[in-house]
Amino acid sequence: MRIISILLAALLTATAPLVPLTTQSFAQGHDDNDRARNHLRAGDTLTLREIERRILPRMRGAQYLGPEYDARAQVYRLKFLKDGRVYFVDVDATTGRIIETR
């Protein structure tokens, strides 16, 4: 029982510095959501559905795992799984062109 208490205390001590980072990441994510909405409303970026319509057919045989959006860079990152390997396709949200595949 004492070993569990010591391990729990060590775990809490080790993760304590991460709490402010999590809060900051959440706030940054909230700002990114606002930016993304503003870009869409202004017609500056394509919708996720439009990006997926353009990119998914190019990734035949891969399982689509989902998107991420970087509002500052105006880039969608689509994540795929094929043959046990994860692929990322970065797409310019303003033009729909593929920037990078890795």
PDB file of N, CA and C in Angstrom:
ATOM      1  N   MET A   1       0.819  -1.190   0.000  1.00  0.00           N
ATOM      2  CA  MET A   1       0.000   0.000   0.000  1.00  0.00           C
ATOM      3  C   MET A   1       0.866   1.259   0.000  1.00  0.00           C
ATOM      4  N   ARG A   2       1.948   1.197   0.747  1.00  0.00           N
ATOM      5  CA  ARG A   2       2.836   2.349   0.817  1.00  0.00           C
ATOM      6  C   ARG A   2       3.496   2.623  -0.536  1.00  0.00           C
ATOM      7  N   ILE A   3       3.847   1.571  -1.276  1.00  0.00           N
ATOM      8  CA  ILE A   3       4.470   1.731  -2.588  1.00  0.00           C
ATOM      9  C   ILE A   3       3.496   2.432  -3.544  1.00  0.00           C
ATOM     10  N   ILE A   4       2.220   2.068  -3.467  1.00  0.00           N
ATOM     11  CA  ILE A   4       1.210   2.709  -4.321  1.00  0.00           C
ATOM     12  C   ILE A   4       1.109   4.188  -4.007  1.00  0.00           C
ATOM     13  N   SER A   5       1.138   4.528  -2.730  1.00  0.00           N
ATOM     14  CA  SER A   5       1.070   5.934  -2.324  1.00  0.00           C
ATOM     15  C   SER A   5       2.273   6.715  -2.830  1.00  0.00           C
ATOM     16  N   ILE A   6       3.445   6.121  -2.749  1.00  0.00           N
ATOM     17  CA  ILE A   6       4.665   6.775  -3.225  1.00  0.00           C
ATOM     18  C   ILE A   6       4.606   6.965  -4.743  1.00  0.00           C
ATOM     19  N   LEU A   7       4.181   5.924  -5.466  1.00  0.00           N
ATOM     20  CA  LEU A   7       4.081   6.030  -6.923  1.00  0.00           C
ATOM     21  C   LEU A   7       3.047   7.082  -7.333  1.00  0.00           C
ATOM     22  N   LEU A   8       1.934   7.125  -6.621  1.00  0.00           N
ATOM     23  CA  LEU A   8       0.906   8.117  -6.926  1.00  0.00           C
ATOM     24  C   LEU A   8       1.427   9.532  -6.679  1.00  0.00           C
ATOM     25  N   ALA A   9       2.129   9.731  -5.577  1.00  0.00           N
ATOM     26  CA  ALA A   9       2.702  11.044  -5.281  1.00  0.00           C
ATOM     27  C   ALA A   9       3.725  11.442  -6.341  1.00  0.00           C
ATOM     28  N   ALA A  10       4.540  10.503  -6.781  1.00  0.00           N
ATOM     29  CA  ALA A  10       5.543  10.790  -7.819  1.00  0.00           C
ATOM     30  C   ALA A  10       4.864  11.146  -9.138  1.00  0.00           C
ATOM     31  N   LEU A  11       3.804  10.422  -9.460  1.00  0.00           N
ATOM     32  CA  LEU A  11       3.071  10.705 -10.696  1.00  0.00           C
ATOM     33  C   LEU A  11       2.454  12.101 -10.659  1.00  0.00           C
ATOM     34  N   LEU A  12       1.832  12.456  -9.558  1.00  0.00           N
ATOM     35  CA  LEU A  12       1.226  13.777  -9.430  1.00  0.00           C
ATOM     36  C   LEU A  12       2.271  14.885  -9.496  1.00  0.00           C
ATOM     37  N   THR A  13       3.417  14.654  -8.878  1.00  0.00           N
ATOM     38  CA  THR A  13       4.499  15.638  -8.909  1.00  0.00           C
ATOM     39  C   THR A  13       5.042  15.808 -10.323  1.00  0.00           C
ATOM     40  N   ALA A  14       5.184  14.705 -11.028  1.00  0.00           N
ATOM     41  CA  ALA A  14       5.743  14.754 -12.386  1.00  0.00           C
ATOM     42  C   ALA A  14       4.801  15.429 -13.373  1.00  0.00           C
ATOM     43  N   THR A  15       3.498  15.278 -13.167  1.00  0.00           N
ATOM     44  CA  THR A  15       2.542  15.837 -14.121  1.00  0.00           C
ATOM     45  C   THR A  15       2.055  17.223 -13.740  1.00  0.00           C
ATOM     46  N   ALA A  16       2.367  17.706 -12.580  1.00  0.00           N
ATOM     47  CA  ALA A  16       1.900  19.033 -12.139  1.00  0.00           C
ATOM     48  C   ALA A  16       2.308  20.156 -13.090  1.00  0.00           C
ATOM     49  N   PRO A  17       3.545  20.166 -13.618  1.00  0.00           N
ATOM     50  CA  PRO A  17       3.912  21.244 -14.538  1.00  0.00           C
ATOM     51  C   PRO A  17       3.116  21.242 -15.844  1.00  0.00           C
ATOM     52  N   LEU A  18       2.454  20.143 -16.177  1.00  0.00           N
ATOM     53  CA  LEU A  18       1.710  20.056 -17.428  1.00  0.00           C
ATOM     54  C   LEU A  18       0.353  20.753 -17.369  1.00  0.00           C
ATOM     55  N   VAL A  19      -0.153  21.011 -16.194  1.00  0.00           N
ATOM     56  CA  VAL A  19      -1.486  21.594 -16.066  1.00  0.00           C
ATOM     57  C   VAL A  19      -1.587  22.950 -16.744  1.00  0.00           C
ATOM     58  N   PRO A  20      -0.671  23.899 -16.520  1.00  0.00           N
ATOM     59  CA  PRO A  20      -0.795  25.173 -17.222  1.00  0.00           C
ATOM     60  C   PRO A  20      -0.702  25.027 -18.736  1.00  0.00           C
ATOM     61  N   LEU A  21       0.095  24.071 -19.234  1.00  0.00           N
ATOM     62  CA  LEU A  21       0.202  23.871 -20.670  1.00  0.00           C
ATOM     63  C   LEU A  21      -1.116  23.389 -21.258  1.00  0.00           C
ATOM     64  N   THR A  22      -1.807  22.506 -20.533  1.00  0.00           N
ATOM     65  CA  THR A  22      -3.092  22.013 -20.996  1.00  0.00           C
ATOM     66  C   THR A  22      -4.089  23.151 -21.080  1.00  0.00           C
ATOM     67  N   THR A  23      -4.120  24.008 -20.085  1.00  0.00           N
ATOM     68  CA  THR A  23      -5.021  25.149 -20.081  1.00  0.00           C
ATOM     69  C   THR A  23      -4.690  26.078 -21.238  1.00  0.00           C
ATOM     70  N   GLN A  24      -3.413  26.311 -21.469  1.00  0.00           N
ATOM     71  CA  GLN A  24      -2.997  27.173 -22.564  1.00  0.00           C
ATOM     72  C   GLN A  24      -3.384  26.548 -23.899  1.00  0.00           C
ATOM     73  N   SER A  25      -3.193  25.246 -24.062  1.00  0.00           N
ATOM     74  CA  SER A  25      -3.552  24.568 -25.308  1.00  0.00           C
ATOM     75  C   SER A  25      -5.044  24.671 -25.565  1.00  0.00           C
ATOM     76  N   PHE A  26      -5.845  24.537 -24.511  1.00  0.00           N
ATOM     77  CA  PHE A  26      -7.288  24.650 -24.671  1.00  0.00           C
ATOM     78  C   PHE A  26      -7.660  26.047 -25.132  1.00  0.00           C
ATOM     79  N   ALA A  27      -7.052  27.059 -24.525  1.00  0.00           N
ATOM     80  CA  ALA A  27      -7.345  28.440 -24.920  1.00  0.00           C
ATOM     81  C   ALA A  27      -6.912  28.685 -26.363  1.00  0.00           C
ATOM     82  N   GLN A  28      -5.771  28.156 -26.755  1.00  0.00           N
ATOM     83  CA  GLN A  28      -5.296  28.322 -28.127  1.00  0.00           C
ATOM     84  C   GLN A  28      -6.241  27.614 -29.086  1.00  0.00           C
ATOM     85  N   GLY A  29      -6.721  26.420 -28.714  1.00  0.00           N
ATOM     86  CA  GLY A  29      -7.668  25.697 -29.549  1.00  0.00           C
ATOM     87  C   GLY A  29      -8.955  26.469 -29.735  1.00  0.00           C
ATOM     88  N   HIS A  30      -9.402  27.140 -28.679  1.00  0.00           N
ATOM     89  CA  HIS A  30     -10.611  27.967 -28.750  1.00  0.00           C
ATOM     90  C   HIS A  30     -10.392  29.126 -29.718  1.00  0.00           C
ATOM     91  N   ASP A  31      -9.230  29.766 -29.650  1.00  0.00           N
ATOM     92  CA  ASP A  31      -8.908  30.854 -30.579  1.00  0.00           C
ATOM     93  C   ASP A  31      -8.864  30.343 -32.016  1.00  0.00           C
ATOM     94  N   ASP A  32      -8.305  29.154 -32.222  1.00  0.00           N
ATOM     95  CA  ASP A  32      -8.241  28.572 -33.562  1.00  0.00           C
ATOM     96  C   ASP A  32      -9.641  28.313 -34.110  1.00  0.00           C
ATOM     97  N   ASN A  33     -10.548  27.854 -33.249  1.00  0.00           N
ATOM     98  CA  ASN A  33     -11.921  27.621 -33.696  1.00  0.00           C
ATOM     99  C   ASN A  33     -12.568  28.922 -34.144  1.00  0.00           C
ATOM    100  N   ASP A  34     -12.352  29.978 -33.385  1.00  0.00           N
ATOM    101  CA  ASP A  34     -12.898  31.287 -33.764  1.00  0.00           C
ATOM    102  C   ASP A  34     -12.312  31.753 -35.086  1.00  0.00           C
ATOM    103  N   ARG A  35     -11.000  31.604 -35.247  1.00  0.00           N
ATOM    104  CA  ARG A  35     -10.345  31.991 -36.500  1.00  0.00           C
ATOM    105  C   ARG A  35     -10.911  31.202 -37.678  1.00  0.00           C
ATOM    106  N   ALA A  36     -11.074  29.906 -37.479  1.00  0.00           N
ATOM    107  CA  ALA A  36     -11.587  29.050 -38.553  1.00  0.00           C
ATOM    108  C   ALA A  36     -12.981  29.491 -38.971  1.00  0.00           C
ATOM    109  N   ARG A  37     -13.848  29.761 -38.002  1.00  0.00           N
ATOM    110  CA  ARG A  37     -15.205  30.228 -38.314  1.00  0.00           C
ATOM    111  C   ARG A  37     -15.173  31.548 -39.068  1.00  0.00           C
ATOM    112  N   ASN A  38     -14.317  32.443 -38.632  1.00  0.00           N
ATOM    113  CA  ASN A  38     -14.213  33.744 -39.290  1.00  0.00           C
ATOM    114  C   ASN A  38     -13.730  33.610 -40.727  1.00  0.00           C
ATOM    115  N   HIS A  39     -12.744  32.733 -40.963  1.00  0.00           N
ATOM    116  CA  HIS A  39     -12.243  32.514 -42.321  1.00  0.00           C
ATOM    117  C   HIS A  39     -13.340  31.939 -43.217  1.00  0.00           C
ATOM    118  N   LEU A  40     -14.107  30.990 -42.678  1.00  0.00           N
ATOM    119  CA  LEU A  40     -15.185  30.386 -43.464  1.00  0.00           C
ATOM    120  C   LEU A  40     -16.269  31.408 -43.799  1.00  0.00           C
ATOM    121  N   ARG A  41     -16.668  32.177 -42.795  1.00  0.00           N
ATOM    122  CA  ARG A  41     -17.712  33.200 -43.018  1.00  0.00           C
ATOM    123  C   ARG A  41     -17.290  34.227 -44.056  1.00  0.00           C
ATOM    124  N   ALA A  42     -16.019  34.578 -44.035  1.00  0.00           N
ATOM    125  CA  ALA A  42     -15.518  35.580 -44.976  1.00  0.00           C
ATOM    126  C   ALA A  42     -15.284  34.986 -46.366  1.00  0.00           C
ATOM    127  N   GLY A  43     -15.388  33.670 -46.475  1.00  0.00           N
ATOM    128  CA  GLY A  43     -15.153  33.024 -47.761  1.00  0.00           C
ATOM    129  C   GLY A  43     -13.679  32.887 -48.102  1.00  0.00           C
ATOM    130  N   ASP A  44     -12.814  33.024 -47.088  1.00  0.00           N
ATOM    131  CA  ASP A  44     -11.371  32.928 -47.304  1.00  0.00           C
ATOM    132  C   ASP A  44     -10.884  31.487 -47.439  1.00  0.00           C
ATOM    133  N   THR A  45     -11.631  30.541 -46.864  1.00  0.00           N
ATOM    134  CA  THR A  45     -11.199  29.144 -46.895  1.00  0.00           C
ATOM    135  C   THR A  45     -12.325  28.249 -47.388  1.00  0.00           C
ATOM    136  N   LEU A  46     -11.926  27.079 -47.860  1.00  0.00           N
ATOM    137  CA  LEU A  46     -12.882  26.060 -48.265  1.00  0.00           C
ATOM    138  C   LEU A  46     -13.364  25.312 -47.030  1.00  0.00           C
ATOM    139  N   THR A  47     -14.542  24.726 -47.114  1.00  0.00           N
ATOM    140  CA  THR A  47     -15.055  23.939 -45.997  1.00  0.00           C
ATOM    141  C   THR A  47     -14.326  22.604 -45.927  1.00  0.00           C
ATOM    142  N   LEU A  48     -14.405  21.977 -44.784  1.00  0.00           N
ATOM    143  CA  LEU A  48     -13.802  20.658 -44.625  1.00  0.00           C
ATOM    144  C   LEU A  48     -14.423  19.677 -45.614  1.00  0.00           C
ATOM    145  N   ARG A  49     -15.723  19.748 -45.810  1.00  0.00           N
ATOM    146  CA  ARG A  49     -16.395  18.842 -46.763  1.00  0.00           C
ATOM    147  C   ARG A  49     -15.825  18.988 -48.172  1.00  0.00           C
ATOM    148  N   GLU A  50     -15.564  20.226 -48.575  1.00  0.00           N
ATOM    149  CA  GLU A  50     -14.989  20.463 -49.905  1.00  0.00           C
ATOM    150  C   GLU A  50     -13.567  19.893 -49.994  1.00  0.00           C
ATOM    151  N   ILE A  51     -12.785  20.106 -48.943  1.00  0.00           N
ATOM    152  CA  ILE A  51     -11.420  19.561 -48.914  1.00  0.00           C
ATOM    153  C   ILE A  51     -11.471  18.037 -48.982  1.00  0.00           C
ATOM    154  N   GLU A  52     -12.333  17.422 -48.182  1.00  0.00           N
ATOM    155  CA  GLU A  52     -12.452  15.962 -48.189  1.00  0.00           C
ATOM    156  C   GLU A  52     -12.917  15.460 -49.562  1.00  0.00           C
ATOM    157  N   ARG A  53     -13.840  16.167 -50.190  1.00  0.00           N
ATOM    158  CA  ARG A  53     -14.338  15.778 -51.515  1.00  0.00           C
ATOM    159  C   ARG A  53     -13.203  15.739 -52.532  1.00  0.00           C
ATOM    160  N   ARG A  54     -12.250  16.635 -52.373  1.00  0.00           N
ATOM    161  CA  ARG A  54     -11.123  16.699 -53.302  1.00  0.00           C
ATOM    162  C   ARG A  54     -10.021  15.680 -52.991  1.00  0.00           C
ATOM    163  N   ILE A  55      -9.792  15.422 -51.712  1.00  0.00           N
ATOM    164  CA  ILE A  55      -8.621  14.629 -51.306  1.00  0.00           C
ATOM    165  C   ILE A  55      -8.930  13.141 -51.122  1.00  0.00           C
ATOM    166  N   LEU A  56     -10.061  12.798 -50.555  1.00  0.00           N
ATOM    167  CA  LEU A  56     -10.342  11.391 -50.254  1.00  0.00           C
ATOM    168  C   LEU A  56     -10.252  10.479 -51.483  1.00  0.00           C
ATOM    169  N   PRO A  57     -10.743  10.883 -52.646  1.00  0.00           N
ATOM    170  CA  PRO A  57     -10.605   9.994 -53.805  1.00  0.00           C
ATOM    171  C   PRO A  57      -9.142   9.711 -54.188  1.00  0.00           C
ATOM    172  N   ARG A  58      -8.250  10.600 -53.844  1.00  0.00           N
ATOM    173  CA  ARG A  58      -6.827  10.398 -54.147  1.00  0.00           C
ATOM    174  C   ARG A  58      -6.165   9.383 -53.232  1.00  0.00           C
ATOM    175  N   MET A  59      -6.812   9.094 -52.114  1.00  0.00           N
ATOM    176  CA  MET A  59      -6.222   8.212 -51.100  1.00  0.00           C
ATOM    177  C   MET A  59      -6.924   6.852 -51.085  1.00  0.00           C
ATOM    178  N   ARG A  60      -7.202   6.319 -52.247  1.00  0.00           N
ATOM    179  CA  ARG A  60      -7.886   5.021 -52.338  1.00  0.00           C
ATOM    180  C   ARG A  60      -7.084   3.938 -51.645  1.00  0.00           C
ATOM    181  N   GLY A  61      -7.813   3.082 -50.959  1.00  0.00           N
ATOM    182  CA  GLY A  61      -7.176   1.987 -50.242  1.00  0.00           C
ATOM    183  C   GLY A  61      -6.709   2.371 -48.854  1.00  0.00           C
ATOM    184  N   ALA A  62      -6.854   3.651 -48.497  1.00  0.00           N
ATOM    185  CA  ALA A  62      -6.449   4.113 -47.162  1.00  0.00           C
ATOM    186  C   ALA A  62      -7.701   4.381 -46.323  1.00  0.00           C
ATOM    187  N   GLN A  63      -7.587   4.126 -45.053  1.00  0.00           N
ATOM    188  CA  GLN A  63      -8.679   4.427 -44.123  1.00  0.00           C
ATOM    189  C   GLN A  63      -8.526   5.867 -43.645  1.00  0.00           C
ATOM    190  N   TYR A  64      -9.573   6.652 -43.779  1.00  0.00           N
ATOM    191  CA  TYR A  64      -9.552   8.053 -43.344  1.00  0.00           C
ATOM    192  C   TYR A  64      -9.780   8.105 -41.849  1.00  0.00           C
ATOM    193  N   LEU A  65      -8.830   8.686 -41.121  1.00  0.00           N
ATOM    194  CA  LEU A  65      -8.912   8.743 -39.664  1.00  0.00           C
ATOM    195  C   LEU A  65      -9.460  10.061 -39.150  1.00  0.00           C
ATOM    196  N   GLY A  66      -9.395  11.121 -39.968  1.00  0.00           N
ATOM    197  CA  GLY A  66      -9.978  12.383 -39.540  1.00  0.00           C
ATOM    198  C   GLY A  66      -9.104  13.576 -39.843  1.00  0.00           C
ATOM    199  N   PRO A  67      -9.660  14.781 -39.602  1.00  0.00           N
ATOM    200  CA  PRO A  67      -8.968  16.021 -39.923  1.00  0.00           C
ATOM    201  C   PRO A  67      -8.475  16.773 -38.696  1.00  0.00           C
ATOM    202  N   GLU A  68      -7.570  17.683 -38.943  1.00  0.00           N
ATOM    203  CA  GLU A  68      -7.189  18.742 -38.003  1.00  0.00           C
ATOM    204  C   GLU A  68      -7.137  20.014 -38.825  1.00  0.00           C
ATOM    205  N   TYR A  69      -7.258  21.159 -38.151  1.00  0.00           N
ATOM    206  CA  TYR A  69      -7.192  22.420 -38.880  1.00  0.00           C
ATOM    207  C   TYR A  69      -6.300  23.394 -38.126  1.00  0.00           C
ATOM    208  N   ASP A  70      -5.353  23.985 -38.817  1.00  0.00           N
ATOM    209  CA  ASP A  70      -4.484  25.016 -38.255  1.00  0.00           C
ATOM    210  C   ASP A  70      -4.970  26.347 -38.816  1.00  0.00           C
ATOM    211  N   ALA A  71      -5.697  27.091 -38.005  1.00  0.00           N
ATOM    212  CA  ALA A  71      -6.308  28.344 -38.463  1.00  0.00           C
ATOM    213  C   ALA A  71      -5.269  29.413 -38.756  1.00  0.00           C
ATOM    214  N   ARG A  72      -4.179  29.391 -38.030  1.00  0.00           N
ATOM    215  CA  ARG A  72      -3.136  30.409 -38.277  1.00  0.00           C
ATOM    216  C   ARG A  72      -2.507  30.227 -39.656  1.00  0.00           C
ATOM    217  N   ALA A  73      -2.225  28.974 -40.008  1.00  0.00           N
ATOM    218  CA  ALA A  73      -1.593  28.678 -41.291  1.00  0.00           C
ATOM    219  C   ALA A  73      -2.629  28.453 -42.395  1.00  0.00           C
ATOM    220  N   GLN A  74      -3.888  28.322 -42.022  1.00  0.00           N
ATOM    221  CA  GLN A  74      -4.980  27.995 -42.935  1.00  0.00           C
ATOM    222  C   GLN A  74      -4.670  26.713 -43.703  1.00  0.00           C
ATOM    223  N   VAL A  75      -4.388  25.656 -42.912  1.00  0.00           N
ATOM    224  CA  VAL A  75      -4.025  24.357 -43.466  1.00  0.00           C
ATOM    225  C   VAL A  75      -4.851  23.272 -42.785  1.00  0.00           C
ATOM    226  N   TYR A  76      -5.458  22.423 -43.607  1.00  0.00           N
ATOM    227  CA  TYR A  76      -6.106  21.219 -43.102  1.00  0.00           C
ATOM    228  C   TYR A  76      -5.069  20.108 -43.135  1.00  0.00           C
ATOM    229  N   ARG A  77      -5.066  19.267 -42.102  1.00  0.00           N
ATOM    230  CA  ARG A  77      -4.221  18.069 -42.087  1.00  0.00           C
ATOM    231  C   ARG A  77      -5.175  16.880 -41.989  1.00  0.00           C
ATOM    232  N   LEU A  78      -5.181  16.069 -43.039  1.00  0.00           N
ATOM    233  CA  LEU A  78      -6.010  14.880 -43.059  1.00  0.00           C
ATOM    234  C   LEU A  78      -5.135  13.679 -42.739  1.00  0.00           C
ATOM    235  N   LYS A  79      -5.648  12.802 -41.885  1.00  0.00           N
ATOM    236  CA  LYS A  79      -4.871  11.668 -41.403  1.00  0.00           C
ATOM    237  C   LYS A  79      -5.452  10.368 -41.976  1.00  0.00           C
ATOM    238  N   PHE A  80      -4.563   9.519 -42.508  1.00  0.00           N
ATOM    239  CA  PHE A  80      -4.966   8.264 -43.137  1.00  0.00           C
ATOM    240  C   PHE A  80      -4.132   7.113 -42.601  1.00  0.00           C
ATOM    241  N   LEU A  81      -4.691   5.908 -42.700  1.00  0.00           N
ATOM    242  CA  LEU A  81      -3.977   4.690 -42.338  1.00  0.00           C
ATOM    243  C   LEU A  81      -4.015   3.750 -43.543  1.00  0.00           C
ATOM    244  N   LYS A  82      -2.827   3.313 -43.974  1.00  0.00           N
ATOM    245  CA  LYS A  82      -2.746   2.377 -45.098  1.00  0.00           C
ATOM    246  C   LYS A  82      -1.573   1.432 -44.875  1.00  0.00           C
ATOM    247  N   ASP A  83      -1.861   0.150 -44.981  1.00  0.00           N
ATOM    248  CA  ASP A  83      -0.830  -0.885 -44.811  1.00  0.00           C
ATOM    249  C   ASP A  83      -0.084  -0.739 -43.486  1.00  0.00           C
ATOM    250  N   GLY A  84      -0.821  -0.386 -42.430  1.00  0.00           N
ATOM    251  CA  GLY A  84      -0.231  -0.264 -41.103  1.00  0.00           C
ATOM    252  C   GLY A  84       0.588   0.999 -40.878  1.00  0.00           C
ATOM    253  N   ARG A  85       0.565   1.902 -41.826  1.00  0.00           N
ATOM    254  CA  ARG A  85       1.341   3.142 -41.713  1.00  0.00           C
ATOM    255  C   ARG A  85       0.403   4.340 -41.715  1.00  0.00           C
ATOM    256  N   VAL A  86       0.710   5.336 -40.908  1.00  0.00           N
ATOM    257  CA  VAL A  86      -0.091   6.558 -40.837  1.00  0.00           C
ATOM    258  C   VAL A  86       0.476   7.586 -41.811  1.00  0.00           C
ATOM    259  N   TYR A  87      -0.410   8.200 -42.574  1.00  0.00           N
ATOM    260  CA  TYR A  87      -0.038   9.236 -43.539  1.00  0.00           C
ATOM    261  C   TYR A  87      -0.772  10.523 -43.189  1.00  0.00           C
ATOM    262  N   PHE A  88      -0.087  11.640 -43.363  1.00  0.00           N
ATOM    263  CA  PHE A  88      -0.690  12.952 -43.191  1.00  0.00           C
ATOM    264  C   PHE A  88      -0.665  13.674 -44.527  1.00  0.00           C
ATOM    265  N   VAL A  89      -1.786  14.273 -44.877  1.00  0.00           N
ATOM    266  CA  VAL A  89      -1.862  15.063 -46.094  1.00  0.00           C
ATOM    267  C   VAL A  89      -2.228  16.478 -45.671  1.00  0.00           C
ATOM    268  N   ASP A  90      -1.307  17.413 -45.877  1.00  0.00           N
ATOM    269  CA  ASP A  90      -1.538  18.820 -45.547  1.00  0.00           C
ATOM    270  C   ASP A  90      -2.096  19.516 -46.776  1.00  0.00           C
ATOM    271  N   VAL A  91      -3.209  20.222 -46.586  1.00  0.00           N
ATOM    272  CA  VAL A  91      -3.926  20.841 -47.694  1.00  0.00           C
ATOM    273  C   VAL A  91      -4.133  22.323 -47.413  1.00  0.00           C
ATOM    274  N   ASP A  92      -3.798  23.154 -48.365  1.00  0.00           N
ATOM    275  CA  ASP A  92      -4.039  24.597 -48.255  1.00  0.00           C
ATOM    276  C   ASP A  92      -5.543  24.833 -48.236  1.00  0.00           C
ATOM    277  N   ALA A  93      -6.038  25.439 -47.176  1.00  0.00           N
ATOM    278  CA  ALA A  93      -7.480  25.638 -47.010  1.00  0.00           C
ATOM    279  C   ALA A  93      -8.040  26.698 -47.953  1.00  0.00           C
ATOM    280  N   THR A  94      -7.189  27.533 -48.494  1.00  0.00           N
ATOM    281  CA  THR A  94      -7.688  28.579 -49.391  1.00  0.00           C
ATOM    282  C   THR A  94      -7.798  28.092 -50.834  1.00  0.00           C
ATOM    283  N   THR A  95      -6.940  27.150 -51.240  1.00  0.00           N
ATOM    284  CA  THR A  95      -6.934  26.691 -52.628  1.00  0.00           C
ATOM    285  C   THR A  95      -7.350  25.233 -52.785  1.00  0.00           C
ATOM    286  N   GLY A  96      -7.229  24.447 -51.715  1.00  0.00           N
ATOM    287  CA  GLY A  96      -7.513  23.019 -51.800  1.00  0.00           C
ATOM    288  C   GLY A  96      -6.362  22.208 -52.350  1.00  0.00           C
ATOM    289  N   ARG A  97      -5.231  22.837 -52.568  1.00  0.00           N
ATOM    290  CA  ARG A  97      -4.065  22.129 -53.097  1.00  0.00           C
ATOM    291  C   ARG A  97      -3.294  21.416 -51.996  1.00  0.00           C
ATOM    292  N   ILE A  98      -2.768  20.256 -52.340  1.00  0.00           N
ATOM    293  CA  ILE A  98      -1.944  19.499 -51.388  1.00  0.00           C
ATOM    294  C   ILE A  98      -0.600  20.190 -51.245  1.00  0.00           C
ATOM    295  N   ILE A  99      -0.236  20.476 -50.005  1.00  0.00           N
ATOM    296  CA  ILE A  99       1.049  21.119 -49.708  1.00  0.00           C
ATOM    297  C   ILE A  99       2.120  20.062 -49.490  1.00  0.00           C
ATOM    298  N   GLU A 100       1.753  19.036 -48.722  1.00  0.00           N
ATOM    299  CA  GLU A 100       2.735  18.013 -48.357  1.00  0.00           C
ATOM    300  C   GLU A 100       2.007  16.726 -47.989  1.00  0.00           C
ATOM    301  N   THR A 101       2.604  15.610 -48.336  1.00  0.00           N
ATOM    302  CA  THR A 101       2.130  14.303 -47.909  1.00  0.00           C
ATOM    303  C   THR A 101       3.285  13.610 -47.216  1.00  0.00           C
ATOM    304  N   ARG A 102       3.019  13.132 -46.022  1.00  0.00           N
ATOM    305  CA  ARG A 102       4.067  12.390 -45.294  1.00  0.00           C
ATOM    306  C   ARG A 102       3.451  11.336 -44.438  1.00  0.00           C
TER     307      ARG A 102
END
